[in-house]
Amino acid sequence: MFVTSGARNALRFRRRERFAQQFIDPLVTEADKLGVSIAELETMLDQREGAR
């Protein structure tokens, strides 16, 4: 299969941007409503990562 140079990185970048819009933005919005800081979210993610 032939693809242009950098196409894979461009696709990954777009997927990451879409991921942020679909999941991270709503997560941060909900955290704000609950009074959860970004630092607390980071801790929650770290804890879950350690449990995997």
PDB file of N, CA and C in Angstrom:
ATOM      1  N   MET A   1       0.854  -1.169   0.000  1.00  0.00           N
ATOM      2  CA  MET A   1       0.000   0.000   0.000  1.00  0.00           C
ATOM      3  C   MET A   1       0.902   1.235   0.000  1.00  0.00           C
ATOM      4  N   PHE A   2       0.537   2.217  -0.785  1.00  0.00           N
ATOM      5  CA  PHE A   2       1.310   3.437  -0.891  1.00  0.00           C
ATOM      6  C   PHE A   2       0.561   4.580  -0.216  1.00  0.00           C
ATOM      7  N   VAL A   3       1.251   5.275   0.667  1.00  0.00           N
ATOM      8  CA  VAL A   3       0.676   6.452   1.316  1.00  0.00           C
ATOM      9  C   VAL A   3       1.735   7.553   1.316  1.00  0.00           C
ATOM     10  N   THR A   4       1.270   8.758   1.400  1.00  0.00           N
ATOM     11  CA  THR A   4       2.211   9.870   1.392  1.00  0.00           C
ATOM     12  C   THR A   4       2.990   9.907   2.697  1.00  0.00           C
ATOM     13  N   SER A   5       4.172  10.471   2.632  1.00  0.00           N
ATOM     14  CA  SER A   5       5.001  10.622   3.812  1.00  0.00           C
ATOM     15  C   SER A   5       4.273  11.489   4.839  1.00  0.00           C
ATOM     16  N   GLY A   6       4.223  11.023   6.056  1.00  0.00           N
ATOM     17  CA  GLY A   6       3.560  11.773   7.119  1.00  0.00           C
ATOM     18  C   GLY A   6       2.075  11.517   7.250  1.00  0.00           C
ATOM     19  N   ALA A   7       1.512  10.697   6.374  1.00  0.00           N
ATOM     20  CA  ALA A   7       0.064  10.445   6.423  1.00  0.00           C
ATOM     21  C   ALA A   7      -0.325   9.765   7.737  1.00  0.00           C
ATOM     22  N   ARG A   8       0.480   8.818   8.175  1.00  0.00           N
ATOM     23  CA  ARG A   8       0.157   8.103   9.414  1.00  0.00           C
ATOM     24  C   ARG A   8       0.127   9.072  10.597  1.00  0.00           C
ATOM     25  N   ASN A   9       1.121   9.950  10.660  1.00  0.00           N
ATOM     26  CA  ASN A   9       1.152  10.926  11.749  1.00  0.00           C
ATOM     27  C   ASN A   9      -0.028  11.877  11.675  1.00  0.00           C
ATOM     28  N   ALA A  10      -0.409  12.271  10.479  1.00  0.00           N
ATOM     29  CA  ALA A  10      -1.560  13.165  10.316  1.00  0.00           C
ATOM     30  C   ALA A  10      -2.835  12.481  10.800  1.00  0.00           C
ATOM     31  N   LEU A  11      -2.999  11.210  10.479  1.00  0.00           N
ATOM     32  CA  LEU A  11      -4.173  10.462  10.924  1.00  0.00           C
ATOM     33  C   LEU A  11      -4.193  10.334  12.445  1.00  0.00           C
ATOM     34  N   ARG A  12      -3.048  10.026  13.015  1.00  0.00           N
ATOM     35  CA  ARG A  12      -2.964   9.905  14.473  1.00  0.00           C
ATOM     36  C   ARG A  12      -3.299  11.235  15.139  1.00  0.00           C
ATOM     37  N   PHE A  13      -2.789  12.324  14.583  1.00  0.00           N
ATOM     38  CA  PHE A  13      -3.076  13.638  15.141  1.00  0.00           C
ATOM     39  C   PHE A  13      -4.571  13.909  15.125  1.00  0.00           C
ATOM     40  N   ARG A  14      -5.225  13.624  14.003  1.00  0.00           N
ATOM     41  CA  ARG A  14      -6.674  13.857  13.901  1.00  0.00           C
ATOM     42  C   ARG A  14      -7.437  12.964  14.874  1.00  0.00           C
ATOM     43  N   ARG A  15      -7.010  11.718  15.008  1.00  0.00           N
ATOM     44  CA  ARG A  15      -7.679  10.813  15.956  1.00  0.00           C
ATOM     45  C   ARG A  15      -7.528  11.305  17.389  1.00  0.00           C
ATOM     46  N   ARG A  16      -6.346  11.808  17.723  1.00  0.00           N
ATOM     47  CA  ARG A  16      -6.124  12.331  19.071  1.00  0.00           C
ATOM     48  C   ARG A  16      -6.996  13.558  19.325  1.00  0.00           C
ATOM     49  N   GLU A  17      -7.098  14.430  18.339  1.00  0.00           N
ATOM     50  CA  GLU A  17      -7.944  15.607  18.475  1.00  0.00           C
ATOM     51  C   GLU A  17      -9.408  15.204  18.655  1.00  0.00           C
ATOM     52  N   ARG A  18      -9.858  14.245  17.867  1.00  0.00           N
ATOM     53  CA  ARG A  18     -11.235  13.765  17.980  1.00  0.00           C
ATOM     54  C   ARG A  18     -11.468  13.107  19.346  1.00  0.00           C
ATOM     55  N   PHE A  19     -10.488  12.351  19.814  1.00  0.00           N
ATOM     56  CA  PHE A  19     -10.577  11.725  21.134  1.00  0.00           C
ATOM     57  C   PHE A  19     -10.754  12.789  22.214  1.00  0.00           C
ATOM     58  N   ALA A  20      -9.947  13.836  22.140  1.00  0.00           N
ATOM     59  CA  ALA A  20     -10.046  14.912  23.129  1.00  0.00           C
ATOM     60  C   ALA A  20     -11.425  15.562  23.099  1.00  0.00           C
ATOM     61  N   GLN A  21     -11.934  15.807  21.914  1.00  0.00           N
ATOM     62  CA  GLN A  21     -13.248  16.441  21.792  1.00  0.00           C
ATOM     63  C   GLN A  21     -14.362  15.539  22.306  1.00  0.00           C
ATOM     64  N   GLN A  22     -14.272  14.252  22.025  1.00  0.00           N
ATOM     65  CA  GLN A  22     -15.345  13.329  22.403  1.00  0.00           C
ATOM     66  C   GLN A  22     -15.297  12.896  23.862  1.00  0.00           C
ATOM     67  N   PHE A  23     -14.097  12.817  24.430  1.00  0.00           N
ATOM     68  CA  PHE A  23     -13.972  12.242  25.766  1.00  0.00           C
ATOM     69  C   PHE A  23     -13.382  13.193  26.801  1.00  0.00           C
ATOM     70  N   ILE A  24     -12.298  13.864  26.474  1.00  0.00           N
ATOM     71  CA  ILE A  24     -11.624  14.694  27.464  1.00  0.00           C
ATOM     72  C   ILE A  24     -12.424  15.953  27.779  1.00  0.00           C
ATOM     73  N   ASP A  25     -12.903  16.637  26.755  1.00  0.00           N
ATOM     74  CA  ASP A  25     -13.673  17.862  26.996  1.00  0.00           C
ATOM     75  C   ASP A  25     -14.900  17.609  27.874  1.00  0.00           C
ATOM     76  N   PRO A  26     -15.719  16.593  27.570  1.00  0.00           N
ATOM     77  CA  PRO A  26     -16.859  16.321  28.454  1.00  0.00           C
ATOM     78  C   PRO A  26     -16.426  15.893  29.866  1.00  0.00           C
ATOM     79  N   LEU A  27     -15.319  15.172  29.965  1.00  0.00           N
ATOM     80  CA  LEU A  27     -14.816  14.766  31.276  1.00  0.00           C
ATOM     81  C   LEU A  27     -14.445  15.983  32.115  1.00  0.00           C
ATOM     82  N   VAL A  28     -13.741  16.918  31.524  1.00  0.00           N
ATOM     83  CA  VAL A  28     -13.338  18.129  32.235  1.00  0.00           C
ATOM     84  C   VAL A  28     -14.565  18.961  32.610  1.00  0.00           C
ATOM     85  N   THR A  29     -15.527  19.042  31.723  1.00  0.00           N
ATOM     86  CA  THR A  29     -16.765  19.780  32.016  1.00  0.00           C
ATOM     87  C   THR A  29     -17.485  19.174  33.218  1.00  0.00           C
ATOM     88  N   GLU A  30     -17.618  17.855  33.220  1.00  0.00           N
ATOM     89  CA  GLU A  30     -18.290  17.183  34.335  1.00  0.00           C
ATOM     90  C   GLU A  30     -17.488  17.315  35.620  1.00  0.00           C
ATOM     91  N   ALA A  31     -16.176  17.224  35.516  1.00  0.00           N
ATOM     92  CA  ALA A  31     -15.328  17.390  36.698  1.00  0.00           C
ATOM     93  C   ALA A  31     -15.508  18.780  37.296  1.00  0.00           C
ATOM     94  N   ASP A  32     -15.572  19.787  36.439  1.00  0.00           N
ATOM     95  CA  ASP A  32     -15.812  21.157  36.915  1.00  0.00           C
ATOM     96  C   ASP A  32     -17.121  21.246  37.692  1.00  0.00           C
ATOM     97  N   LYS A  33     -18.157  20.603  37.186  1.00  0.00           N
ATOM     98  CA  LYS A  33     -19.461  20.614  37.854  1.00  0.00           C
ATOM     99  C   LYS A  33     -19.384  19.979  39.237  1.00  0.00           C
ATOM    100  N   LEU A  34     -18.504  18.975  39.364  1.00  0.00           N
ATOM    101  CA  LEU A  34     -18.362  18.257  40.630  1.00  0.00           C
ATOM    102  C   LEU A  34     -17.296  18.863  41.538  1.00  0.00           C
ATOM    103  N   GLY A  35     -16.627  19.894  41.049  1.00  0.00           N
ATOM    104  CA  GLY A  35     -15.572  20.513  41.842  1.00  0.00           C
ATOM    105  C   GLY A  35     -14.281  19.703  41.873  1.00  0.00           C
ATOM    106  N   VAL A  36     -14.086  18.870  40.855  1.00  0.00           N
ATOM    107  CA  VAL A  36     -12.882  18.049  40.756  1.00  0.00           C
ATOM    108  C   VAL A  36     -11.857  18.805  39.912  1.00  0.00           C
ATOM    109  N   SER A  37     -10.671  18.987  40.456  1.00  0.00           N
ATOM    110  CA  SER A  37      -9.636  19.727  39.743  1.00  0.00           C
ATOM    111  C   SER A  37      -8.938  18.841  38.709  1.00  0.00           C
ATOM    112  N   ILE A  38      -8.187  19.475  37.833  1.00  0.00           N
ATOM    113  CA  ILE A  38      -7.402  18.741  36.845  1.00  0.00           C
ATOM    114  C   ILE A  38      -6.382  17.847  37.556  1.00  0.00           C
ATOM    115  N   ALA A  39      -5.795  18.373  38.630  1.00  0.00           N
ATOM    116  CA  ALA A  39      -4.828  17.572  39.399  1.00  0.00           C
ATOM    117  C   ALA A  39      -5.493  16.317  39.969  1.00  0.00           C
ATOM    118  N   GLU A  40      -6.729  16.457  40.439  1.00  0.00           N
ATOM    119  CA  GLU A  40      -7.457  15.294  40.964  1.00  0.00           C
ATOM    120  C   GLU A  40      -7.772  14.308  39.842  1.00  0.00           C
ATOM    121  N   LEU A  41      -8.129  14.821  38.663  1.00  0.00           N
ATOM    122  CA  LEU A  41      -8.360  13.936  37.523  1.00  0.00           C
ATOM    123  C   LEU A  41      -7.092  13.164  37.174  1.00  0.00           C
ATOM    124  N   GLU A  42      -5.967  13.856  37.192  1.00  0.00           N
ATOM    125  CA  GLU A  42      -4.689  13.197  36.914  1.00  0.00           C
ATOM    126  C   GLU A  42      -4.437  12.071  37.906  1.00  0.00           C
ATOM    127  N   THR A  43      -4.715  12.332  39.180  1.00  0.00           N
ATOM    128  CA  THR A  43      -4.534  11.307  40.210  1.00  0.00           C
ATOM    129  C   THR A  43      -5.446  10.121  39.949  1.00  0.00           C
ATOM    130  N   MET A  44      -6.693  10.396  39.602  1.00  0.00           N
ATOM    131  CA  MET A  44      -7.641   9.318  39.296  1.00  0.00           C
ATOM    132  C   MET A  44      -7.141   8.472  38.128  1.00  0.00           C
ATOM    133  N   LEU A  45      -6.658   9.130  37.087  1.00  0.00           N
ATOM    134  CA  LEU A  45      -6.144   8.402  35.925  1.00  0.00           C
ATOM    135  C   LEU A  45      -4.914   7.581  36.294  1.00  0.00           C
ATOM    136  N   ASP A  46      -4.012   8.171  37.064  1.00  0.00           N
ATOM    137  CA  ASP A  46      -2.817   7.446  37.499  1.00  0.00           C
ATOM    138  C   ASP A  46      -3.174   6.211  38.298  1.00  0.00           C
ATOM    139  N   GLN A  47      -4.163   6.337  39.179  1.00  0.00           N
ATOM    140  CA  GLN A  47      -4.587   5.193  39.985  1.00  0.00           C
ATOM    141  C   GLN A  47      -5.146   4.078  39.113  1.00  0.00           C
ATOM    142  N   ARG A  48      -5.934   4.462  38.131  1.00  0.00           N
ATOM    143  CA  ARG A  48      -6.510   3.452  37.240  1.00  0.00           C
ATOM    144  C   ARG A  48      -5.454   2.816  36.350  1.00  0.00           C
ATOM    145  N   GLU A  49      -4.483   3.611  35.948  1.00  0.00           N
ATOM    146  CA  GLU A  49      -3.407   3.076  35.133  1.00  0.00           C
ATOM    147  C   GLU A  49      -2.610   2.043  35.926  1.00  0.00           C
ATOM    148  N   GLY A  50      -2.393   2.323  37.197  1.00  0.00           N
ATOM    149  CA  GLY A  50      -1.665   1.384  38.040  1.00  0.00           C
ATOM    150  C   GLY A  50      -2.427   0.101  38.296  1.00  0.00           C
ATOM    151  N   ALA A  51      -3.757   0.157  38.161  1.00  0.00           N
ATOM    152  CA  ALA A  51      -4.591  -1.030  38.387  1.00  0.00           C
ATOM    153  C   ALA A  51      -4.684  -1.924  37.161  1.00  0.00           C
ATOM    154  N   ARG A  52      -4.177  -1.446  36.016  1.00  0.00           N
ATOM    155  CA  ARG A  52      -4.261  -2.267  34.794  1.00  0.00           C
ATOM    156  C   ARG A  52      -3.211  -3.330  34.765  1.00  0.00           C
TER     157      ARG A  52
END
